[in-house]
All heavy atoms as atom14 arrays in JSON, in Angstrom:
{
  "sequence": "KHIPDFIPLNIADSLLDDEPLKELLEEYLDVKALKSGLPL",
  "atom14_mask": [
    [1, 1, 1, 1, 1, 1, 1, 1, 1, 0, 0, 0, 0, 0],
    [1, 1, 1, 1, 1, 1, 1, 1, 1, 1, 0, 0, 0, 0],
    [1, 1, 1, 1, 1, 1, 1, 1, 0, 0, 0, 0, 0, 0],
    [1, 1, 1, 1, 1, 1, 1, 0, 0, 0, 0, 0, 0, 0],
    [1, 1, 1, 1, 1, 1, 1, 1, 0, 0, 0, 0, 0, 0],
    [1, 1, 1, 1, 1, 1, 1, 1, 1, 1, 1, 0, 0, 0],
    [1, 1, 1, 1, 1, 1, 1, 1, 0, 0, 0, 0, 0, 0],
    [1, 1, 1, 1, 1, 1, 1, 0, 0, 0, 0, 0, 0, 0],
    [1, 1, 1, 1, 1, 1, 1, 1, 0, 0, 0, 0, 0, 0],
    [1, 1, 1, 1, 1, 1, 1, 1, 0, 0, 0, 0, 0, 0],
    [1, 1, 1, 1, 1, 1, 1, 1, 0, 0, 0, 0, 0, 0],
    [1, 1, 1, 1, 1, 0, 0, 0, 0, 0, 0, 0, 0, 0],
    [1, 1, 1, 1, 1, 1, 1, 1, 0, 0, 0, 0, 0, 0],
    [1, 1, 1, 1, 1, 1, 0, 0, 0, 0, 0, 0, 0, 0],
    [1, 1, 1, 1, 1, 1, 1, 1, 0, 0, 0, 0, 0, 0],
    [1, 1, 1, 1, 1, 1, 1, 1, 0, 0, 0, 0, 0, 0],
    [1, 1, 1, 1, 1, 1, 1, 1, 0, 0, 0, 0, 0, 0],
    [1, 1, 1, 1, 1, 1, 1, 1, 0, 0, 0, 0, 0, 0],
    [1, 1, 1, 1, 1, 1, 1, 1, 1, 0, 0, 0, 0, 0],
    [1, 1, 1, 1, 1, 1, 1, 0, 0, 0, 0, 0, 0, 0],
    [1, 1, 1, 1, 1, 1, 1, 1, 0, 0, 0, 0, 0, 0],
    [1, 1, 1, 1, 1, 1, 1, 1, 1, 0, 0, 0, 0, 0],
    [1, 1, 1, 1, 1, 1, 1, 1, 1, 0, 0, 0, 0, 0],
    [1, 1, 1, 1, 1, 1, 1, 1, 0, 0, 0, 0, 0, 0],
    [1, 1, 1, 1, 1, 1, 1, 1, 0, 0, 0, 0, 0, 0],
    [1, 1, 1, 1, 1, 1, 1, 1, 1, 0, 0, 0, 0, 0],
    [1, 1, 1, 1, 1, 1, 1, 1, 1, 0, 0, 0, 0, 0],
    [1, 1, 1, 1, 1, 1, 1, 1, 1, 1, 1, 1, 0, 0],
    [1, 1, 1, 1, 1, 1, 1, 1, 0, 0, 0, 0, 0, 0],
    [1, 1, 1, 1, 1, 1, 1, 1, 0, 0, 0, 0, 0, 0],
    [1, 1, 1, 1, 1, 1, 1, 0, 0, 0, 0, 0, 0, 0],
    [1, 1, 1, 1, 1, 1, 1, 1, 1, 0, 0, 0, 0, 0],
    [1, 1, 1, 1, 1, 0, 0, 0, 0, 0, 0, 0, 0, 0],
    [1, 1, 1, 1, 1, 1, 1, 1, 0, 0, 0, 0, 0, 0],
    [1, 1, 1, 1, 1, 1, 1, 1, 1, 0, 0, 0, 0, 0],
    [1, 1, 1, 1, 1, 1, 0, 0, 0, 0, 0, 0, 0, 0],
    [1, 1, 1, 1, 0, 0, 0, 0, 0, 0, 0, 0, 0, 0],
    [1, 1, 1, 1, 1, 1, 1, 1, 0, 0, 0, 0, 0, 0],
    [1, 1, 1, 1, 1, 1, 1, 0, 0, 0, 0, 0, 0, 0],
    [1, 1, 1, 1, 1, 1, 1, 1, 0, 0, 0, 0, 0, 0]
  ],
  "atom14_positions": [
    [[-18.19, 18.61, 14.58], [-18.35, 18.54, 16.03], [-18.23, 17.11, 16.54], [-17.75, 16.86, 17.63], [-19.71, 19.12, 16.42], [-19.94, 19.18, 17.93], [-21.29, 19.84, 18.23], [-21.51, 19.9, 19.74], [-22.82, 20.52, 20.05], [0.0, 0.0, 0.0], [0.0, 0.0, 0.0], [0.0, 0.0, 0.0], [0.0, 0.0, 0.0], [0.0, 0.0, 0.0]],
    [[-18.64, 16.16, 15.71], [-18.72, 14.77, 16.19], [-17.84, 13.81, 15.39], [-18.15, 12.63, 15.29], [-20.17, 14.28, 16.13], [-21.1, 15.07, 17.01], [-21.06, 15.0, 18.38], [-22.07, 15.97, 16.7], [-22.0, 15.81, 18.89], [-22.61, 16.41, 17.88], [0.0, 0.0, 0.0], [0.0, 0.0, 0.0], [0.0, 0.0, 0.0], [0.0, 0.0, 0.0]],
    [[-16.74, 14.3, 14.82], [-15.85, 13.42, 14.05], [-15.47, 12.16, 14.81], [-15.54, 11.06, 14.28], [-14.58, 14.19, 13.6], [-14.93, 15.06, 12.39], [-13.46, 13.23, 13.21], [-13.77, 15.91, 11.92], [0.0, 0.0, 0.0], [0.0, 0.0, 0.0], [0.0, 0.0, 0.0], [0.0, 0.0, 0.0], [0.0, 0.0, 0.0], [0.0, 0.0, 0.0]],
    [[-15.04, 12.27, 16.09], [-14.65, 11.05, 16.81], [-15.78, 10.03, 16.91], [-15.54, 8.83, 16.99], [-14.25, 11.57, 18.19], [-13.87, 13.01, 17.95], [-14.84, 13.47, 16.9], [0.0, 0.0, 0.0], [0.0, 0.0, 0.0], [0.0, 0.0, 0.0], [0.0, 0.0, 0.0], [0.0, 0.0, 0.0], [0.0, 0.0, 0.0], [0.0, 0.0, 0.0]],
    [[-17.04, 10.52, 16.93], [-18.17, 9.59, 17.04], [-18.44, 8.89, 15.71], [-18.89, 7.75, 15.66], [-19.44, 10.35, 17.46], [-19.27, 11.02, 18.82], [-18.54, 10.45, 19.65], [-19.85, 12.1, 19.02], [0.0, 0.0, 0.0], [0.0, 0.0, 0.0], [0.0, 0.0, 0.0], [0.0, 0.0, 0.0], [0.0, 0.0, 0.0], [0.0, 0.0, 0.0]],
    [[-18.15, 9.57, 14.59], [-18.45, 9.02, 13.27], [-17.39, 8.03, 12.8], [-17.67, 7.17, 11.99], [-18.57, 10.15, 12.24], [-19.81, 10.98, 12.39], [-19.89, 12.24, 11.81], [-20.89, 10.51, 13.12], [-21.03, 13.0, 11.94], [-22.03, 11.27, 13.25], [-22.1, 12.52, 12.67], [0.0, 0.0, 0.0], [0.0, 0.0, 0.0], [0.0, 0.0, 0.0]],
    [[-16.17, 8.2, 13.25], [-15.1, 7.33, 12.79], [-14.75, 6.32, 13.86], [-14.31, 6.67, 14.94], [-13.84, 8.14, 12.43], [-14.18, 9.16, 11.35], [-12.72, 7.23, 11.96], [-13.01, 10.03, 10.95], [0.0, 0.0, 0.0], [0.0, 0.0, 0.0], [0.0, 0.0, 0.0], [0.0, 0.0, 0.0], [0.0, 0.0, 0.0], [0.0, 0.0, 0.0]],
    [[-14.96, 5.04, 13.62], [-14.66, 4.01, 14.61], [-13.2, 4.03, 15.0], [-12.32, 4.11, 14.15], [-15.0, 2.7, 13.88], [-15.88, 3.11, 12.75], [-15.45, 4.48, 12.36], [0.0, 0.0, 0.0], [0.0, 0.0, 0.0], [0.0, 0.0, 0.0], [0.0, 0.0, 0.0], [0.0, 0.0, 0.0], [0.0, 0.0, 0.0], [0.0, 0.0, 0.0]],
    [[-12.91, 4.01, 16.29], [-11.54, 4.06, 16.77], [-10.99, 2.67, 17.1], [-9.86, 2.53, 17.5], [-11.47, 4.93, 18.04], [-11.96, 6.37, 17.88], [-11.83, 7.1, 19.22], [-11.17, 7.11, 16.82], [0.0, 0.0, 0.0], [0.0, 0.0, 0.0], [0.0, 0.0, 0.0], [0.0, 0.0, 0.0], [0.0, 0.0, 0.0], [0.0, 0.0, 0.0]],
    [[-11.81, 1.64, 16.91], [-11.4, 0.31, 17.33], [-10.97, -0.58, 16.17], [-10.91, -1.79, 16.29], [-12.54, -0.37, 18.1], [-13.79, -0.5, 17.25], [-13.88, 0.1, 16.2], [-14.76, -1.28, 17.74], [0.0, 0.0, 0.0], [0.0, 0.0, 0.0], [0.0, 0.0, 0.0], [0.0, 0.0, 0.0], [0.0, 0.0, 0.0], [0.0, 0.0, 0.0]],
    [[-10.7, 0.03, 15.0], [-10.24, -0.76, 13.87], [-8.73, -0.88, 13.97], [-8.0, 0.09, 13.78], [-10.63, -0.12, 12.54], [-12.15, -0.05, 12.44], [-10.05, -0.9, 11.37], [-12.64, 0.62, 11.18], [0.0, 0.0, 0.0], [0.0, 0.0, 0.0], [0.0, 0.0, 0.0], [0.0, 0.0, 0.0], [0.0, 0.0, 0.0], [0.0, 0.0, 0.0]],
    [[-8.24, -2.05, 14.29], [-6.81, -2.24, 14.53], [-6.05, -2.44, 13.23], [-4.87, -2.12, 13.15], [-6.59, -3.44, 15.45], [0.0, 0.0, 0.0], [0.0, 0.0, 0.0], [0.0, 0.0, 0.0], [0.0, 0.0, 0.0], [0.0, 0.0, 0.0], [0.0, 0.0, 0.0], [0.0, 0.0, 0.0], [0.0, 0.0, 0.0], [0.0, 0.0, 0.0]],
    [[-6.72, -2.98, 12.23], [-6.03, -3.29, 10.98], [-6.61, -2.47, 9.84], [-7.66, -1.84, 9.98], [-6.19, -4.79, 10.67], [-5.05, -5.31, 9.81], [-4.26, -4.47, 9.36], [-4.98, -6.52, 9.62], [0.0, 0.0, 0.0], [0.0, 0.0, 0.0], [0.0, 0.0, 0.0], [0.0, 0.0, 0.0], [0.0, 0.0, 0.0], [0.0, 0.0, 0.0]],
    [[-5.9, -2.43, 8.73], [-6.39, -1.71, 7.57], [-7.53, -2.48, 6.92], [-7.68, -3.69, 7.12], [-5.27, -1.49, 6.56], [-4.74, -2.74, 6.16], [0.0, 0.0, 0.0], [0.0, 0.0, 0.0], [0.0, 0.0, 0.0], [0.0, 0.0, 0.0], [0.0, 0.0, 0.0], [0.0, 0.0, 0.0], [0.0, 0.0, 0.0], [0.0, 0.0, 0.0]],
    [[-8.32, -1.79, 6.14], [-9.46, -2.43, 5.48], [-9.03, -3.38, 4.38], [-9.73, -4.32, 4.04], [-10.39, -1.36, 4.89], [-11.06, -0.43, 5.91], [-11.84, 0.64, 5.18], [-11.96, -1.22, 6.84], [0.0, 0.0, 0.0], [0.0, 0.0, 0.0], [0.0, 0.0, 0.0], [0.0, 0.0, 0.0], [0.0, 0.0, 0.0], [0.0, 0.0, 0.0]],
    [[-7.87, -3.11, 3.79], [-7.38, -3.95, 2.71], [-5.98, -4.47, 3.02], [-5.19, -3.82, 3.68], [-7.33, -3.14, 1.4], [-8.66, -2.58, 0.89], [-8.41, -1.74, -0.37], [-9.64, -3.68, 0.58], [0.0, 0.0, 0.0], [0.0, 0.0, 0.0], [0.0, 0.0, 0.0], [0.0, 0.0, 0.0], [0.0, 0.0, 0.0], [0.0, 0.0, 0.0]],
    [[-5.71, -5.65, 2.53], [-4.4, -6.28, 2.7], [-3.53, -5.91, 1.5], [-3.94, -6.09, 0.35], [-4.59, -7.79, 2.77], [-3.3, -8.54, 3.0], [-2.26, -7.87, 3.21], [-3.31, -9.78, 2.98], [0.0, 0.0, 0.0], [0.0, 0.0, 0.0], [0.0, 0.0, 0.0], [0.0, 0.0, 0.0], [0.0, 0.0, 0.0], [0.0, 0.0, 0.0]],
    [[-2.33, -5.37, 1.75], [-1.48, -4.97, 0.63], [-0.57, -6.09, 0.14], [0.27, -5.87, -0.73], [-0.65, -3.74, 0.99], [0.3, -3.98, 2.15], [0.45, -5.13, 2.57], [0.88, -3.0, 2.64], [0.0, 0.0, 0.0], [0.0, 0.0, 0.0], [0.0, 0.0, 0.0], [0.0, 0.0, 0.0], [0.0, 0.0, 0.0], [0.0, 0.0, 0.0]],
    [[-0.74, -7.29, 0.65], [0.09, -8.41, 0.21], [-0.05, -8.69, -1.29], [0.95, -8.95, -1.97], [-0.25, -9.67, 1.02], [0.82, -10.76, 0.94], [2.18, -10.3, 1.42], [2.25, -9.53, 2.38], [3.18, -10.72, 0.79], [0.0, 0.0, 0.0], [0.0, 0.0, 0.0], [0.0, 0.0, 0.0], [0.0, 0.0, 0.0], [0.0, 0.0, 0.0]],
    [[-1.28, -8.65, -1.86], [-1.4, -8.84, -3.31], [-0.61, -7.82, -4.12], [-0.02, -8.16, -5.15], [-2.91, -8.7, -3.56], [-3.53, -9.09, -2.27], [-2.61, -8.56, -1.22], [0.0, 0.0, 0.0], [0.0, 0.0, 0.0], [0.0, 0.0, 0.0], [0.0, 0.0, 0.0], [0.0, 0.0, 0.0], [0.0, 0.0, 0.0], [0.0, 0.0, 0.0]],
    [[-0.59, -6.56, -3.67], [0.18, -5.54, -4.37], [1.68, -5.82, -4.29], [2.42, -5.63, -5.25], [-0.12, -4.15, -3.79], [-1.48, -3.55, -4.13], [-1.66, -2.22, -3.41], [-1.63, -3.36, -5.63], [0.0, 0.0, 0.0], [0.0, 0.0, 0.0], [0.0, 0.0, 0.0], [0.0, 0.0, 0.0], [0.0, 0.0, 0.0], [0.0, 0.0, 0.0]],
    [[2.12, -6.29, -3.12], [3.53, -6.64, -2.96], [3.92, -7.76, -3.91], [4.99, -7.73, -4.52], [3.8, -7.06, -1.52], [3.75, -5.94, -0.49], [4.04, -6.46, 0.9], [4.01, -5.35, 1.94], [4.26, -5.85, 3.31], [0.0, 0.0, 0.0], [0.0, 0.0, 0.0], [0.0, 0.0, 0.0], [0.0, 0.0, 0.0], [0.0, 0.0, 0.0]],
    [[3.04, -8.74, -4.03], [3.32, -9.87, -4.92], [3.4, -9.41, -6.39], [4.24, -9.89, -7.16], [2.24, -10.94, -4.75], [2.28, -11.62, -3.39], [1.12, -12.58, -3.18], [0.28, -12.7, -4.1], [1.03, -13.2, -2.1], [0.0, 0.0, 0.0], [0.0, 0.0, 0.0], [0.0, 0.0, 0.0], [0.0, 0.0, 0.0], [0.0, 0.0, 0.0]],
    [[2.51, -8.48, -6.76], [2.54, -7.96, -8.12], [3.83, -7.19, -8.4], [4.42, -7.29, -9.48], [1.33, -7.04, -8.36], [-0.02, -7.75, -8.55], [-1.14, -6.73, -8.55], [-0.03, -8.54, -9.85], [0.0, 0.0, 0.0], [0.0, 0.0, 0.0], [0.0, 0.0, 0.0], [0.0, 0.0, 0.0], [0.0, 0.0, 0.0], [0.0, 0.0, 0.0]],
    [[4.28, -6.42, -7.41], [5.54, -5.69, -7.57], [6.7, -6.66, -7.74], [7.6, -6.44, -8.55], [5.78, -4.77, -6.37], [4.98, -3.47, -6.32], [5.31, -2.69, -5.05], [5.27, -2.61, -7.54], [0.0, 0.0, 0.0], [0.0, 0.0, 0.0], [0.0, 0.0, 0.0], [0.0, 0.0, 0.0], [0.0, 0.0, 0.0], [0.0, 0.0, 0.0]],
    [[6.68, -7.73, -6.95], [7.74, -8.73, -7.05], [7.79, -9.36, -8.45], [8.84, -9.59, -9.01], [7.53, -9.83, -6.0], [7.8, -9.4, -4.58], [9.28, -9.17, -4.31], [10.11, -9.71, -5.07], [9.61, -8.43, -3.36], [0.0, 0.0, 0.0], [0.0, 0.0, 0.0], [0.0, 0.0, 0.0], [0.0, 0.0, 0.0], [0.0, 0.0, 0.0]],
    [[6.59, -9.6, -8.99], [6.51, -10.3, -10.27], [6.74, -9.39, -11.47], [7.41, -9.78, -12.44], [5.13, -10.98, -10.41], [4.97, -11.77, -11.7], [3.62, -12.47, -11.79], [2.84, -12.43, -10.8], [3.33, -13.06, -12.85], [0.0, 0.0, 0.0], [0.0, 0.0, 0.0], [0.0, 0.0, 0.0], [0.0, 0.0, 0.0], [0.0, 0.0, 0.0]],
    [[6.22, -8.17, -11.41], [6.21, -7.33, -12.61], [7.25, -6.21, -12.6], [7.53, -5.64, -13.65], [4.82, -6.71, -12.81], [3.89, -7.63, -13.53], [3.14, -8.57, -12.84], [3.76, -7.6, -14.92], [2.28, -9.45, -13.51], [2.92, -8.45, -15.6], [2.18, -9.38, -14.88], [1.34, -10.25, -15.54], [0.0, 0.0, 0.0], [0.0, 0.0, 0.0]],
    [[7.79, -5.87, -11.43], [8.73, -4.76, -11.38], [10.16, -5.27, -11.35], [10.56, -5.99, -10.43], [8.47, -3.89, -10.14], [9.38, -2.67, -10.01], [9.2, -1.73, -11.19], [9.09, -1.92, -8.69], [0.0, 0.0, 0.0], [0.0, 0.0, 0.0], [0.0, 0.0, 0.0], [0.0, 0.0, 0.0], [0.0, 0.0, 0.0], [0.0, 0.0, 0.0]],
    [[10.94, -4.92, -12.37], [12.35, -5.27, -12.44], [13.13, -4.21, -11.68], [13.36, -3.1, -12.18], [12.79, -5.33, -13.9], [14.21, -5.83, -14.07], [15.01, -5.68, -13.14], [14.53, -6.37, -15.15], [0.0, 0.0, 0.0], [0.0, 0.0, 0.0], [0.0, 0.0, 0.0], [0.0, 0.0, 0.0], [0.0, 0.0, 0.0], [0.0, 0.0, 0.0]],
    [[13.55, -4.54, -10.46], [14.2, -3.56, -9.59], [15.51, -3.06, -10.19], [15.83, -1.86, -10.13], [14.46, -4.17, -8.19], [15.22, -3.19, -7.31], [13.14, -4.54, -7.53], [0.0, 0.0, 0.0], [0.0, 0.0, 0.0], [0.0, 0.0, 0.0], [0.0, 0.0, 0.0], [0.0, 0.0, 0.0], [0.0, 0.0, 0.0], [0.0, 0.0, 0.0]],
    [[16.27, -3.95, -10.81], [17.54, -3.55, -11.42], [17.29, -2.59, -12.59], [18.0, -1.59, -12.76], [18.31, -4.77, -11.91], [18.87, -5.63, -10.79], [19.69, -6.78, -11.35], [20.28, -7.63, -10.22], [21.07, -8.77, -10.76], [0.0, 0.0, 0.0], [0.0, 0.0, 0.0], [0.0, 0.0, 0.0], [0.0, 0.0, 0.0], [0.0, 0.0, 0.0]],
    [[16.28, -2.9, -13.39], [15.96, -2.03, -14.53], [15.46, -0.67, -14.04], [15.77, 0.37, -14.64], [14.91, -2.68, -15.42], [0.0, 0.0, 0.0], [0.0, 0.0, 0.0], [0.0, 0.0, 0.0], [0.0, 0.0, 0.0], [0.0, 0.0, 0.0], [0.0, 0.0, 0.0], [0.0, 0.0, 0.0], [0.0, 0.0, 0.0], [0.0, 0.0, 0.0]],
    [[14.7, -0.67, -12.93], [14.21, 0.59, -12.37], [15.37, 1.44, -11.86], [15.41, 2.65, -12.05], [13.21, 0.32, -11.25], [12.66, 1.55, -10.52], [11.9, 2.45, -11.49], [11.75, 1.13, -9.37], [0.0, 0.0, 0.0], [0.0, 0.0, 0.0], [0.0, 0.0, 0.0], [0.0, 0.0, 0.0], [0.0, 0.0, 0.0], [0.0, 0.0, 0.0]],
    [[16.32, 0.78, -11.23], [17.47, 1.49, -10.64], [18.25, 2.25, -11.71], [18.73, 3.36, -11.47], [18.39, 0.48, -9.95], [19.46, 1.11, -9.06], [18.85, 1.67, -7.78], [19.9, 2.17, -6.82], [19.32, 2.75, -5.59], [0.0, 0.0, 0.0], [0.0, 0.0, 0.0], [0.0, 0.0, 0.0], [0.0, 0.0, 0.0], [0.0, 0.0, 0.0]],
    [[18.36, 1.65, -12.89], [19.11, 2.28, -13.98], [18.18, 2.91, -15.02], [18.64, 3.32, -16.09], [20.01, 1.26, -14.66], [19.25, 0.19, -15.2], [0.0, 0.0, 0.0], [0.0, 0.0, 0.0], [0.0, 0.0, 0.0], [0.0, 0.0, 0.0], [0.0, 0.0, 0.0], [0.0, 0.0, 0.0], [0.0, 0.0, 0.0], [0.0, 0.0, 0.0]],
    [[16.9, 2.96, -14.71], [15.92, 3.44, -15.69], [15.68, 4.94, -15.63], [16.52, 5.71, -15.16], [0.0, 0.0, 0.0], [0.0, 0.0, 0.0], [0.0, 0.0, 0.0], [0.0, 0.0, 0.0], [0.0, 0.0, 0.0], [0.0, 0.0, 0.0], [0.0, 0.0, 0.0], [0.0, 0.0, 0.0], [0.0, 0.0, 0.0], [0.0, 0.0, 0.0]],
    [[14.52, 5.35, -16.11], [14.16, 6.76, -16.12], [14.0, 7.27, -14.7], [13.53, 6.54, -13.82], [12.84, 6.97, -16.87], [12.76, 6.48, -18.31], [11.37, 6.72, -18.87], [13.82, 7.16, -19.18], [0.0, 0.0, 0.0], [0.0, 0.0, 0.0], [0.0, 0.0, 0.0], [0.0, 0.0, 0.0], [0.0, 0.0, 0.0], [0.0, 0.0, 0.0]],
    [[14.38, 8.53, -14.44], [14.15, 9.1, -13.1], [12.67, 9.0, -12.75], [11.81, 9.37, -13.54], [14.6, 10.56, -13.26], [15.54, 10.55, -14.42], [15.03, 9.49, -15.35], [0.0, 0.0, 0.0], [0.0, 0.0, 0.0], [0.0, 0.0, 0.0], [0.0, 0.0, 0.0], [0.0, 0.0, 0.0], [0.0, 0.0, 0.0], [0.0, 0.0, 0.0]],
    [[12.39, 8.48, -11.56], [11.01, 8.32, -11.11], [10.81, 9.03, -9.78], [11.57, 8.81, -8.83], [10.66, 6.84, -10.95], [9.29, 6.54, -10.32], [8.15, 7.04, -11.2], [9.13, 5.03, -10.06], [0.0, 0.0, 0.0], [0.0, 0.0, 0.0], [0.0, 0.0, 0.0], [0.0, 0.0, 0.0], [0.0, 0.0, 0.0], [0.0, 0.0, 0.0]]
  ]
}
């Protein structure tokens, strides 16, 4: 009955920053190898 009251509507940004995950993908994921690798 009160979902809108329980969940704050004024949070403009996400709780976590995904920049660290992006950096890890850049460092550890070989895009060329993935492209020719196992179907994912």
